[in-house]
Amino acid sequence: METCPVCHIGSLRKRRVTYTQTHKGQLTVIQGVPALVCDFCGEKWFDTEKVDGLQFLLQSERESTDMPTKRPRSFVSRGGSS
């Protein structure tokens, strides 16, 4: 197992977690997204390709509902425990 680079105590484990993103005041919540999660501090790492795919789908939805069309920046998403 890989040791957590944040707390240096816990181990990173594959889990399905909730991914949240706010864009221009609109909150999007997606459950069941694969991530690596530290079993000690709860820090999360999402796969960059999966995040890019989610952002693409969210952008497509925004365009179809006349939301602003500027694509959010791609990023490696990390967050503490939910």
Foldseek 3Di string as FASTA:
>chain_A
DDADPPPRPFDWDWDWAWDWDADPRDIDIDTGAIWTATPPFGKTWHDQVVQVVVQVVVLVVCVVVVHDNDRDDRDTDIDTHD
